[in-house]
Amino acid sequence: MSFNPKISQILESDDEIRAILAAPGTELPPLLPALAFALGDLTLLPEDLWLDPEKSLEEQGGWDADQQELCREIAFEGIKRLRSGEIRDSNFTKDDLRKIMSWACGTQLDGAYLEMLREELSPENQDLRAPDWSKEDYTVDRDFTVAIIGAGMSGILAAYRLKQSGVNCVIFEKNHAIGGTWLENTYPGCRVDVSNHVYCYSFMQKHDWPHFHSTQEVLLEYFNECVNHFGIRDDIRFSTEVSSAVWNEDSGRWVLELVGEDGEESFICHSIVSAVGQLNRPSYPEIDGRSSFKGASWHSARWNHEEKIEGKDIAVIGTGCSAIQFIPRVAEEAASTTIFQRTPNWLMPRPQYHK
């Protein structure tokens, strides 16, 4: 995987470009705003292809056959311009960006929403949320240490931001490795359920995600690469759980009690960032007889990979995000799969989900 944001050289011939544009798996709506941004040409966004937000989850944004063909022709000409070396200059205004994003969203965006999208998508390849202050600006000689609990995606980000500001920090991670939920959840079909191009750090975007919705293994690799790139791995104490945190008013310090492989110890710090997440502890249903059930049973977040499900009768309790992902995989192997659902949830088709 790579974090290189530059536009790769286009080597395909005209016929190859047309074949790619006509392929069933090619998503057309994102092409035009991407080309408009790359070329600095807003004429690539015609009014008659303005996207309808109510159809945003439909294939090709709900465009009919004529609209899709028009998009292919516009995209073909734009890609040829990129292939010839044409690229926008640096004079690309925020208003230009607003017009592109408004077209892509199918609605006129206001300033606040535009700023949020700029930060998340980082089209200028800038870290727009980088700290604009440093510890040295306020207190040069004062020792200050922050304890971060958890080395999942939030803990990693907190450590990096503090490092950027010159603040010393230590991360306590109960597991043997980083990743949080992407380390602990390994059930069949585990993957992110939003587009991977927005499920990543805005300042560490990737152009070569292998899937639209990448799998657990790919995401864990991404966060490991981030930890190495940020230079924070040496700041993490693995296999160390924080059992309590008590504020000492007299010293103005936190006293943390730690439980690790070498026993218990105390750690004193000035501030705490809790990044333990909300999905790291399995929640079991209160069902009479669950503890006395003689068959194999486990929570999806603690998947039992040693237990084979092939040819067995499987019962699944709950239809949350995890269940939606693993039920189809289980059903492929099990003799029968029975689902018990307390509260129905909304599902919408995602044609690119497994691509």
Protein backbone atom coordinates (compact mmCIF):
# COMPACT_ATOMS: atom_id res chain seq x y z
CA MET A 1 0.00 0.00 0.00
CA SER A 2 1.07 3.56 -0.61
CA PHE A 3 0.32 7.04 0.67
CA ASN A 4 1.45 8.74 -2.56
CA PRO A 5 -1.26 11.27 -3.53
CA LYS A 6 0.20 12.16 -6.93
CA ILE A 7 -1.63 11.42 -10.15
CA SER A 8 -0.10 8.40 -11.87
CA GLN A 9 0.83 8.64 -15.53
CA ILE A 10 -1.93 7.38 -17.81
CA LEU A 11 -0.55 4.87 -20.31
CA GLU A 12 -3.77 3.34 -21.66
CA SER A 13 -4.78 3.82 -25.29
CA ASP A 14 -8.05 5.44 -26.36
CA ASP A 15 -9.65 2.04 -26.88
CA GLU A 16 -8.48 0.82 -23.47
CA ILE A 17 -9.85 3.94 -21.77
CA ARG A 18 -13.22 3.50 -23.47
CA ALA A 19 -13.29 -0.17 -22.45
CA ILE A 20 -12.63 0.76 -18.82
CA LEU A 21 -15.36 3.41 -18.87
CA ALA A 22 -17.82 0.92 -20.34
CA ALA A 23 -16.98 -1.87 -17.88
CA PRO A 24 -19.86 -2.83 -15.54
CA GLY A 25 -17.81 -2.18 -12.39
CA THR A 26 -16.78 1.37 -13.30
CA GLU A 27 -18.49 3.94 -11.07
CA LEU A 28 -19.17 6.95 -13.26
CA PRO A 29 -20.41 9.75 -10.91
CA PRO A 30 -17.10 10.20 -9.02
CA LEU A 31 -15.14 10.52 -12.27
CA LEU A 32 -16.38 13.94 -13.29
CA PRO A 33 -15.71 15.85 -10.04
CA ALA A 34 -12.29 14.17 -9.83
CA LEU A 35 -11.46 15.26 -13.37
CA ALA A 36 -12.87 18.75 -12.78
CA PHE A 37 -10.55 19.12 -9.79
CA ALA A 38 -7.51 17.62 -11.52
CA LEU A 39 -7.93 19.78 -14.61
CA GLY A 40 -9.40 22.87 -12.95
CA ASP A 41 -12.28 22.79 -15.41
CA LEU A 42 -15.80 23.19 -14.03
CA THR A 43 -17.35 22.73 -17.48
CA LEU A 44 -16.88 19.00 -16.91
CA LEU A 45 -19.85 19.18 -14.52
CA PRO A 46 -22.91 19.79 -16.72
CA GLU A 47 -26.22 20.77 -15.18
CA ASP A 48 -28.08 17.87 -16.81
CA LEU A 49 -25.90 15.43 -14.87
CA TRP A 50 -26.54 17.11 -11.51
CA LEU A 51 -26.79 14.27 -9.01
CA ASP A 52 -29.98 13.54 -7.09
CA PRO A 53 -29.15 12.94 -3.38
CA GLU A 54 -32.24 10.74 -3.02
CA LYS A 55 -30.71 8.35 -5.56
CA SER A 56 -27.16 8.50 -4.24
CA LEU A 57 -27.10 4.82 -3.21
CA GLU A 58 -28.49 3.58 -6.50
CA GLU A 59 -26.16 2.24 -9.17
CA GLN A 60 -24.47 5.04 -11.11
CA GLY A 61 -26.16 7.60 -8.87
CA GLY A 62 -29.52 6.85 -10.44
CA TRP A 63 -28.48 8.09 -13.89
CA ASP A 64 -30.38 6.69 -16.87
CA ALA A 65 -28.61 5.14 -19.88
CA ASP A 66 -28.33 8.43 -21.79
CA GLN A 67 -26.86 10.24 -18.79
CA GLN A 68 -24.34 7.46 -18.25
CA GLU A 69 -23.24 7.62 -21.87
CA LEU A 70 -22.86 11.41 -21.67
CA CYS A 71 -20.70 10.98 -18.57
CA ARG A 72 -18.50 8.44 -20.38
CA GLU A 73 -17.91 10.85 -23.25
CA ILE A 74 -17.05 13.76 -20.95
CA ALA A 75 -14.79 11.55 -18.84
CA PHE A 76 -13.08 10.14 -21.94
CA GLU A 77 -12.12 13.61 -23.14
CA GLY A 78 -10.98 14.63 -19.66
CA ILE A 79 -8.82 11.54 -19.20
CA LYS A 80 -7.17 12.17 -22.57
CA ARG A 81 -6.29 15.69 -21.41
CA LEU A 82 -4.69 14.26 -18.27
CA ARG A 83 -2.82 11.72 -20.37
CA SER A 84 -1.36 14.53 -22.48
CA GLY A 85 0.03 16.18 -19.36
CA GLU A 86 -2.58 18.86 -18.77
CA ILE A 87 -3.10 19.64 -15.09
CA ARG A 88 -4.70 22.51 -13.19
CA ASP A 89 -2.59 25.35 -11.86
CA SER A 90 -2.50 26.21 -8.18
CA ASN A 91 -5.08 28.99 -8.50
CA PHE A 92 -8.03 26.85 -7.49
CA THR A 93 -10.35 28.81 -5.23
CA LYS A 94 -12.55 27.65 -2.38
CA ASP A 95 -15.55 28.68 -4.44
CA ASP A 96 -14.41 26.35 -7.23
CA LEU A 97 -14.12 23.58 -4.68
CA ARG A 98 -17.59 24.41 -3.33
CA LYS A 99 -19.07 24.09 -6.82
CA ILE A 100 -17.44 20.69 -7.34
CA MET A 101 -18.58 19.35 -3.99
CA SER A 102 -22.07 20.77 -4.41
CA TRP A 103 -22.36 18.99 -7.76
CA ALA A 104 -21.13 15.73 -6.25
CA CYS A 105 -23.56 15.97 -3.31
CA GLY A 106 -26.48 17.14 -5.42
CA THR A 107 -27.13 20.18 -3.24
CA GLN A 108 -25.68 23.63 -2.67
CA LEU A 109 -23.27 23.41 0.25
CA ASP A 110 -22.86 26.17 2.80
CA GLY A 111 -19.54 27.29 4.26
CA ALA A 112 -19.56 25.10 7.36
CA TYR A 113 -20.31 21.92 5.45
CA LEU A 114 -17.70 22.78 2.84
CA GLU A 115 -15.00 23.19 5.48
CA MET A 116 -15.86 19.81 6.97
CA LEU A 117 -15.58 18.15 3.55
CA ARG A 118 -12.30 19.93 2.84
CA GLU A 119 -10.88 18.61 6.09
CA GLU A 120 -12.13 15.08 5.54
CA LEU A 121 -11.25 14.74 1.86
CA SER A 122 -8.12 16.90 1.97
CA PRO A 123 -8.21 17.62 -1.79
CA GLU A 124 -5.17 19.90 -1.53
CA ASN A 125 -3.25 17.10 0.21
CA GLN A 126 -2.88 19.19 3.36
CA ASP A 127 -3.33 18.33 7.01
CA LEU A 128 -5.95 20.96 7.74
CA ARG A 129 -6.41 19.81 11.33
CA ALA A 130 -2.76 19.82 12.29
CA PRO A 131 -2.18 21.62 15.63
CA ASP A 132 -1.31 25.27 15.18
CA TRP A 133 0.37 25.43 18.58
CA SER A 134 3.33 23.86 20.33
CA LYS A 135 4.07 23.08 23.95
CA GLU A 136 7.10 25.32 23.65
CA ASP A 137 4.80 28.26 22.90
CA TYR A 138 3.33 28.07 26.40
CA THR A 139 5.74 26.32 28.72
CA VAL A 140 9.29 25.67 27.63
CA ASP A 141 10.71 23.98 30.70
CA ARG A 142 7.67 22.30 32.24
CA ASP A 143 7.55 18.52 32.16
CA PHE A 144 4.13 17.39 30.94
CA THR A 145 3.06 13.82 30.18
CA VAL A 146 -0.22 12.60 28.74
CA ALA A 147 -1.43 9.02 29.17
CA ILE A 148 -3.48 7.62 26.30
CA ILE A 149 -5.58 4.54 27.00
CA GLY A 150 -5.93 2.42 23.90
CA ALA A 151 -3.95 2.04 20.67
CA GLY A 152 -6.83 1.80 18.24
CA MET A 153 -7.48 4.36 15.53
CA SER A 154 -8.40 7.11 18.03
CA GLY A 155 -5.45 6.48 20.34
CA ILE A 156 -3.05 6.46 17.40
CA LEU A 157 -4.40 9.80 16.20
CA ALA A 158 -4.24 11.35 19.68
CA ALA A 159 -0.60 10.29 20.07
CA TYR A 160 0.32 11.71 16.67
CA ARG A 161 -1.36 15.06 17.35
CA LEU A 162 0.39 15.35 20.70
CA LYS A 163 3.69 14.45 19.07
CA GLN A 164 3.13 17.21 16.51
CA SER A 165 2.66 19.65 19.40
CA GLY A 166 5.77 18.51 21.24
CA VAL A 167 3.84 16.94 24.12
CA ASN A 168 5.22 13.76 25.66
CA CYS A 169 2.76 10.88 25.77
CA VAL A 170 2.58 7.19 26.62
CA ILE A 171 -0.03 4.83 25.18
CA PHE A 172 -1.25 1.92 27.28
CA GLU A 173 -2.68 -0.91 25.20
CA LYS A 174 -4.19 -4.01 26.82
CA ASN A 175 -3.59 -6.12 23.72
CA HIS A 176 -0.30 -7.34 22.30
CA ALA A 177 -0.60 -5.14 19.20
CA ILE A 178 -2.24 -1.98 17.88
CA GLY A 179 -5.52 -1.80 16.03
CA GLY A 180 -8.27 -1.91 18.64
CA THR A 181 -11.48 -3.14 17.06
CA TRP A 182 -9.62 -4.03 13.85
CA LEU A 183 -7.31 -6.29 15.83
CA GLU A 184 -9.96 -7.96 17.98
CA ASN A 185 -12.74 -8.51 15.44
CA THR A 186 -11.77 -11.32 13.07
CA TYR A 187 -15.16 -12.86 12.29
CA PRO A 188 -15.82 -14.04 8.71
CA GLY A 189 -16.62 -11.15 6.39
CA CYS A 190 -15.31 -8.46 8.76
CA ARG A 191 -14.81 -5.25 6.81
CA VAL A 192 -15.54 -1.53 6.98
CA ASP A 193 -19.10 -0.60 6.03
CA VAL A 194 -18.37 2.88 4.69
CA SER A 195 -16.22 3.82 1.72
CA ASN A 196 -12.55 3.31 2.47
CA HIS A 197 -11.66 6.64 0.89
CA VAL A 198 -13.30 8.38 3.85
CA TYR A 199 -12.55 5.71 6.46
CA CYS A 200 -8.94 6.72 6.94
CA TYR A 201 -7.04 9.65 8.36
CA SER A 202 -7.69 12.70 6.19
CA PHE A 203 -3.97 13.50 6.15
CA MET A 204 -2.93 9.90 5.36
CA GLN A 205 -5.09 9.13 2.38
CA LYS A 206 -4.39 6.23 0.07
CA HIS A 207 -5.11 5.83 -3.60
CA ASP A 208 -4.64 2.06 -3.76
CA TRP A 209 -7.20 0.55 -1.41
CA PRO A 210 -7.78 -3.00 -2.72
CA HIS A 211 -11.54 -2.80 -2.09
CA PHE A 212 -14.25 -0.16 -1.89
CA HIS A 213 -14.91 -1.51 1.63
CA SER A 214 -11.67 -3.06 2.78
CA THR A 215 -11.38 -6.10 4.99
CA GLN A 216 -10.18 -6.28 8.58
CA GLU A 217 -6.71 -7.46 7.53
CA VAL A 218 -6.24 -4.53 5.16
CA LEU A 219 -7.35 -1.96 7.73
CA LEU A 220 -5.09 -3.43 10.39
CA GLU A 221 -2.18 -3.17 7.95
CA TYR A 222 -3.09 0.47 7.26
CA PHE A 223 -3.06 1.43 10.94
CA ASN A 224 0.23 -0.39 11.48
CA GLU A 225 1.73 1.58 8.60
CA CYS A 226 0.42 4.79 10.16
CA VAL A 227 1.99 3.96 13.52
CA ASN A 228 5.35 3.37 11.84
CA HIS A 229 5.03 6.51 9.71
CA PHE A 230 4.12 8.65 12.73
CA GLY A 231 7.04 7.25 14.74
CA ILE A 232 4.95 6.44 17.81
CA ARG A 233 5.41 2.67 18.18
CA ASP A 234 8.09 3.13 20.85
CA ASP A 235 5.59 5.20 22.86
CA ILE A 236 3.19 2.24 23.21
CA ARG A 237 3.25 -0.13 26.17
CA PHE A 238 1.58 -3.31 25.00
CA SER A 239 -0.16 -5.95 27.15
CA THR A 240 -0.76 -3.27 29.78
CA GLU A 241 -4.26 -2.53 31.06
CA VAL A 242 -5.26 0.55 33.06
CA SER A 243 -7.31 -0.74 36.00
CA SER A 244 -7.96 2.61 37.69
CA ALA A 245 -7.23 6.33 37.47
CA VAL A 246 -7.36 8.60 40.53
CA TRP A 247 -6.86 12.37 40.52
CA ASN A 248 -4.52 13.76 43.20
CA GLU A 249 -5.68 17.29 43.94
CA ASP A 250 -2.55 18.21 45.92
CA SER A 251 -0.07 17.28 43.20
CA GLY A 252 -2.31 18.05 40.26
CA ARG A 253 -1.53 14.66 38.79
CA TRP A 254 -3.35 11.50 37.76
CA VAL A 255 -2.28 8.24 39.36
CA LEU A 256 -2.93 5.27 37.10
CA GLU A 257 -2.85 1.69 38.29
CA LEU A 258 -1.54 -0.64 35.61
CA VAL A 259 -1.72 -4.40 35.21
CA GLY A 260 0.83 -5.88 32.83
CA GLU A 261 2.80 -9.01 32.13
CA ASP A 262 5.21 -8.18 34.95
CA GLY A 263 2.51 -7.48 37.52
CA GLU A 264 1.02 -4.27 38.88
CA GLU A 265 2.53 -0.79 38.96
CA SER A 266 1.57 2.87 39.22
CA PHE A 267 2.06 5.58 36.63
CA ILE A 268 1.77 9.32 37.22
CA CYS A 269 0.75 11.72 34.46
CA HIS A 270 -0.67 15.20 34.00
CA SER A 271 -3.54 14.37 31.68
CA ILE A 272 -5.45 11.37 30.31
CA VAL A 273 -6.97 10.68 26.92
CA SER A 274 -9.43 7.79 26.97
CA ALA A 275 -9.42 6.06 23.59
CA VAL A 276 -10.85 2.72 24.68
CA GLY A 277 -13.67 2.85 22.14
CA GLN A 278 -17.17 1.52 22.60
CA LEU A 279 -16.99 -1.81 20.78
CA ASN A 280 -14.06 -3.45 22.55
CA ARG A 281 -16.05 -5.38 25.17
CA PRO A 282 -18.54 -8.02 23.98
CA SER A 283 -22.14 -7.51 25.07
CA TYR A 284 -23.96 -10.77 25.75
CA PRO A 285 -27.77 -11.00 25.83
CA GLU A 286 -29.43 -11.81 29.15
CA ILE A 287 -31.10 -15.07 28.16
CA ASP A 288 -32.15 -17.76 30.62
CA GLY A 289 -30.07 -20.87 30.10
CA ARG A 290 -27.28 -19.21 28.14
CA SER A 291 -24.63 -20.19 30.66
CA SER A 292 -25.80 -23.81 30.75
CA PHE A 293 -26.02 -24.27 26.98
CA LYS A 294 -24.01 -27.38 26.12
CA GLY A 295 -23.17 -26.55 22.52
CA ALA A 296 -20.43 -24.28 21.24
CA SER A 297 -21.23 -20.57 21.50
CA TRP A 298 -19.28 -17.35 21.23
CA HIS A 299 -19.59 -13.63 20.60
CA SER A 300 -18.78 -12.37 17.11
CA ALA A 301 -16.09 -10.10 18.57
CA ARG A 302 -14.37 -13.19 20.00
CA TRP A 303 -14.84 -15.49 17.03
CA ASN A 304 -13.94 -19.13 17.65
CA HIS A 305 -11.98 -20.03 14.53
CA GLU A 306 -11.25 -23.53 15.85
CA GLU A 307 -14.94 -24.46 15.83
CA LYS A 308 -16.05 -25.60 12.37
CA ILE A 309 -19.57 -24.58 11.33
CA GLU A 310 -19.77 -26.64 8.15
CA GLY A 311 -22.88 -28.80 8.11
CA LYS A 312 -24.14 -27.58 11.50
CA ASP A 313 -27.34 -25.85 12.58
CA ILE A 314 -26.37 -22.30 13.54
CA ALA A 315 -28.40 -19.76 15.53
CA VAL A 316 -27.48 -16.07 15.35
CA ILE A 317 -28.81 -13.65 17.96
CA GLY A 318 -28.91 -10.06 16.72
CA THR A 319 -28.66 -8.33 13.37
CA GLY A 320 -26.24 -5.50 13.99
CA CYS A 321 -23.42 -4.49 11.65
CA SER A 322 -21.25 -7.49 12.51
CA ALA A 323 -24.10 -9.95 11.97
CA ILE A 324 -24.95 -8.43 8.61
CA GLN A 325 -21.38 -9.15 7.55
CA PHE A 326 -20.86 -12.67 8.90
CA ILE A 327 -24.35 -14.19 8.41
CA PRO A 328 -23.95 -14.62 4.62
CA ARG A 329 -20.57 -16.30 5.17
CA VAL A 330 -21.98 -18.60 7.84
CA ALA A 331 -25.00 -19.48 5.71
CA GLU A 332 -22.70 -20.65 2.92
CA GLU A 333 -21.28 -23.42 5.12
CA ALA A 334 -23.91 -24.22 7.74
CA ALA A 335 -26.65 -26.81 7.25
CA SER A 336 -29.12 -24.18 8.47
CA THR A 337 -28.90 -20.64 9.80
CA THR A 338 -31.63 -19.27 12.07
CA ILE A 339 -31.60 -15.57 12.93
CA PHE A 340 -33.22 -14.13 16.05
CA GLN A 341 -33.91 -10.43 15.72
CA ARG A 342 -35.35 -8.22 18.44
CA THR A 343 -35.41 -4.90 16.58
CA PRO A 344 -35.50 -4.67 12.78
CA ASN A 345 -32.93 -2.37 11.24
CA TRP A 346 -32.68 -0.59 7.91
CA LEU A 347 -30.66 -2.11 5.10
CA MET A 348 -29.89 -0.61 1.72
CA PRO A 349 -28.17 -2.24 -1.26
CA ARG A 350 -24.47 -1.53 -1.79
CA PRO A 351 -23.54 -2.88 -5.24
CA GLN A 352 -19.81 -2.25 -4.67
CA TYR A 353 -19.69 -3.72 -1.17
CA HIS A 354 -17.61 -6.79 -2.02
CA LYS A 355 -15.69 -5.32 -4.96
